[in-house]
N, C-alpha and C. Protein backbone atom coordinates (compact mmCIF):
# COMPACT_ATOMS: atom_id res chain seq x y z
N MET A 1 -74.15 44.51 -27.21
CA MET A 1 -73.91 43.70 -26.02
C MET A 1 -75.18 43.68 -25.18
N ALA A 2 -75.55 42.52 -24.66
CA ALA A 2 -76.75 42.38 -23.83
C ALA A 2 -76.50 42.98 -22.46
N ASN A 3 -77.57 43.48 -21.87
CA ASN A 3 -77.41 43.99 -20.52
C ASN A 3 -77.31 42.84 -19.53
N ASN A 4 -76.97 43.14 -18.28
CA ASN A 4 -76.73 42.10 -17.28
C ASN A 4 -77.95 41.22 -17.06
N GLY A 5 -79.15 41.78 -17.09
CA GLY A 5 -80.36 40.99 -16.90
C GLY A 5 -80.54 39.94 -17.98
N GLU A 6 -80.28 40.32 -19.22
CA GLU A 6 -80.39 39.37 -20.32
C GLU A 6 -79.31 38.31 -20.24
N GLU A 7 -78.11 38.69 -19.84
CA GLU A 7 -77.01 37.73 -19.71
C GLU A 7 -77.34 36.70 -18.63
N ILE A 8 -77.87 37.13 -17.52
CA ILE A 8 -78.23 36.21 -16.44
C ILE A 8 -79.28 35.23 -16.94
N GLY A 9 -80.26 35.73 -17.67
CA GLY A 9 -81.29 34.86 -18.22
C GLY A 9 -80.72 33.82 -19.17
N GLU A 10 -79.81 34.23 -20.02
CA GLU A 10 -79.23 33.32 -21.00
C GLU A 10 -78.28 32.32 -20.36
N ILE A 11 -77.52 32.75 -19.38
CA ILE A 11 -76.48 31.90 -18.80
C ILE A 11 -77.01 31.03 -17.66
N LEU A 12 -77.90 31.56 -16.84
CA LEU A 12 -78.30 30.85 -15.63
C LEU A 12 -79.75 30.37 -15.65
N ILE A 13 -80.68 31.24 -15.92
CA ILE A 13 -82.10 30.92 -15.77
C ILE A 13 -82.56 29.85 -16.75
N THR A 14 -82.24 29.99 -18.00
CA THR A 14 -82.70 29.01 -18.99
C THR A 14 -82.16 27.61 -18.71
N PRO A 15 -80.84 27.43 -18.49
CA PRO A 15 -80.36 26.09 -18.16
C PRO A 15 -80.94 25.55 -16.85
N LEU A 16 -81.14 26.41 -15.88
CA LEU A 16 -81.70 25.98 -14.60
C LEU A 16 -83.14 25.50 -14.77
N SER A 17 -83.92 26.20 -15.56
CA SER A 17 -85.30 25.77 -15.78
C SER A 17 -85.35 24.44 -16.53
N ARG A 18 -84.44 24.23 -17.46
CA ARG A 18 -84.37 22.94 -18.16
C ARG A 18 -84.01 21.82 -17.17
N LEU A 19 -83.03 22.08 -16.32
CA LEU A 19 -82.60 21.10 -15.33
C LEU A 19 -83.75 20.74 -14.40
N LEU A 20 -84.45 21.73 -13.89
CA LEU A 20 -85.56 21.47 -12.98
C LEU A 20 -86.68 20.71 -13.69
N GLY A 21 -86.91 21.02 -14.93
CA GLY A 21 -87.92 20.29 -15.71
C GLY A 21 -87.55 18.83 -15.86
N GLU A 22 -86.29 18.56 -16.13
CA GLU A 22 -85.82 17.17 -16.27
C GLU A 22 -85.91 16.43 -14.95
N VAL A 23 -85.55 17.08 -13.86
CA VAL A 23 -85.66 16.44 -12.54
C VAL A 23 -87.12 16.11 -12.25
N GLY A 24 -88.02 17.03 -12.52
CA GLY A 24 -89.45 16.79 -12.30
C GLY A 24 -89.96 15.63 -13.12
N ARG A 25 -89.58 15.57 -14.40
CA ARG A 25 -89.99 14.46 -15.25
C ARG A 25 -89.44 13.13 -14.75
N SER A 26 -88.19 13.13 -14.32
CA SER A 26 -87.58 11.90 -13.81
C SER A 26 -88.27 11.41 -12.55
N VAL A 27 -88.59 12.31 -11.65
CA VAL A 27 -89.30 11.93 -10.43
C VAL A 27 -90.67 11.35 -10.78
N ALA A 28 -91.38 12.00 -11.70
CA ALA A 28 -92.70 11.51 -12.09
C ALA A 28 -92.62 10.14 -12.75
N GLU A 29 -91.66 9.92 -13.62
CA GLU A 29 -91.50 8.61 -14.27
C GLU A 29 -91.18 7.53 -13.25
N THR A 30 -90.30 7.84 -12.31
CA THR A 30 -89.92 6.86 -11.30
C THR A 30 -91.10 6.55 -10.38
N GLN A 31 -91.87 7.56 -10.00
CA GLN A 31 -93.04 7.32 -9.15
C GLN A 31 -94.05 6.46 -9.89
N ARG A 32 -94.22 6.68 -11.18
CA ARG A 32 -95.14 5.86 -11.97
C ARG A 32 -94.68 4.41 -11.98
N ALA A 33 -93.38 4.19 -12.13
CA ALA A 33 -92.85 2.82 -12.11
C ALA A 33 -93.11 2.16 -10.75
N LEU A 34 -92.93 2.91 -9.68
CA LEU A 34 -93.22 2.38 -8.34
C LEU A 34 -94.70 2.03 -8.20
N ASP A 35 -95.57 2.89 -8.71
CA ASP A 35 -97.02 2.64 -8.65
C ASP A 35 -97.39 1.39 -9.43
N LEU A 36 -96.84 1.25 -10.63
CA LEU A 36 -97.14 0.08 -11.44
C LEU A 36 -96.65 -1.20 -10.76
N ASN A 37 -95.51 -1.13 -10.09
CA ASN A 37 -95.01 -2.28 -9.36
C ASN A 37 -95.93 -2.65 -8.21
N SER A 38 -96.44 -1.66 -7.50
CA SER A 38 -97.38 -1.93 -6.40
C SER A 38 -98.66 -2.58 -6.93
N ILE A 39 -99.15 -2.10 -8.05
CA ILE A 39 -100.37 -2.68 -8.66
C ILE A 39 -100.11 -4.12 -9.06
N LYS A 40 -98.97 -4.36 -9.71
CA LYS A 40 -98.62 -5.72 -10.14
C LYS A 40 -98.52 -6.64 -8.92
N THR A 41 -97.89 -6.18 -7.86
CA THR A 41 -97.75 -6.99 -6.64
C THR A 41 -99.11 -7.29 -6.04
N GLN A 42 -100.01 -6.30 -6.02
CA GLN A 42 -101.35 -6.53 -5.45
C GLN A 42 -102.12 -7.55 -6.29
N ILE A 43 -101.99 -7.47 -7.60
CA ILE A 43 -102.68 -8.44 -8.47
C ILE A 43 -102.16 -9.85 -8.18
N GLU A 44 -100.85 -9.99 -8.03
CA GLU A 44 -100.27 -11.29 -7.72
C GLU A 44 -100.76 -11.81 -6.36
N ILE A 45 -100.84 -10.94 -5.38
CA ILE A 45 -101.36 -11.33 -4.06
C ILE A 45 -102.80 -11.80 -4.19
N ASP A 46 -103.61 -11.03 -4.92
CA ASP A 46 -105.03 -11.37 -5.09
C ASP A 46 -105.20 -12.70 -5.81
N GLU A 47 -104.37 -12.96 -6.82
CA GLU A 47 -104.48 -14.20 -7.59
C GLU A 47 -104.08 -15.42 -6.75
N GLU A 48 -103.12 -15.23 -5.86
CA GLU A 48 -102.68 -16.34 -5.01
C GLU A 48 -103.66 -16.60 -3.87
N LYS A 49 -104.51 -15.64 -3.61
CA LYS A 49 -105.50 -15.73 -2.54
C LYS A 49 -104.84 -16.15 -1.22
N ALA A 50 -103.69 -15.58 -0.98
CA ALA A 50 -102.93 -15.92 0.22
C ALA A 50 -103.68 -15.51 1.48
N ASP A 51 -103.57 -14.30 1.85
CA ASP A 51 -104.25 -13.76 3.03
C ASP A 51 -105.20 -12.69 2.52
N PRO A 52 -106.51 -12.83 2.79
CA PRO A 52 -107.47 -11.87 2.23
C PRO A 52 -107.18 -10.42 2.62
N GLY A 53 -106.53 -10.20 3.74
CA GLY A 53 -106.25 -8.82 4.17
C GLY A 53 -104.90 -8.31 3.72
N LEU A 54 -104.11 -9.14 3.04
CA LEU A 54 -102.77 -8.75 2.62
C LEU A 54 -102.84 -7.74 1.48
N GLN A 55 -102.12 -6.65 1.64
CA GLN A 55 -102.10 -5.62 0.61
C GLN A 55 -100.68 -5.18 0.33
N ALA A 56 -100.42 -4.88 -0.92
CA ALA A 56 -99.12 -4.34 -1.31
C ALA A 56 -99.02 -2.91 -0.79
N CYS A 57 -97.88 -2.58 -0.25
CA CYS A 57 -97.68 -1.21 0.26
C CYS A 57 -97.38 -0.28 -0.90
N PRO A 58 -98.07 0.85 -0.96
CA PRO A 58 -97.72 1.83 -1.99
C PRO A 58 -96.31 2.36 -1.71
N GLN A 59 -95.55 2.49 -2.74
CA GLN A 59 -94.19 3.01 -2.59
C GLN A 59 -94.17 4.44 -3.08
N ARG A 60 -93.43 5.27 -2.37
CA ARG A 60 -93.31 6.66 -2.80
C ARG A 60 -92.02 7.25 -2.28
N PHE A 61 -91.63 8.32 -2.90
CA PHE A 61 -90.45 9.03 -2.45
C PHE A 61 -90.77 9.72 -1.14
N SER A 62 -89.84 9.66 -0.22
CA SER A 62 -89.99 10.47 0.99
C SER A 62 -89.19 11.76 0.75
N SER A 63 -89.49 12.76 1.53
CA SER A 63 -88.76 14.01 1.35
C SER A 63 -87.28 13.81 1.66
N GLN A 64 -86.94 12.84 2.50
CA GLN A 64 -85.54 12.58 2.82
C GLN A 64 -84.78 12.03 1.62
N CYS A 65 -85.47 11.29 0.76
CA CYS A 65 -84.83 10.73 -0.43
C CYS A 65 -84.44 11.83 -1.42
N LEU A 66 -85.16 12.91 -1.39
CA LEU A 66 -84.95 13.97 -2.38
C LEU A 66 -83.92 15.01 -1.92
N LEU A 67 -83.46 14.91 -0.69
CA LEU A 67 -82.49 15.89 -0.19
C LEU A 67 -81.09 15.53 -0.56
């Protein structure tokens, strides 16, 4: 029989680390999609030559979104 420390690692720590890894990957993938959208929008603005000072706003997660 495993001792309590090993049981905690097997039951709680390993699944928790996997979960946190998946959350981190998901946040990174979503931020990349937001960045690519901002780049695409800026290219469209530049091609239309609408307002020379017009810029696409970078989008990002705020800490409030993650709570």
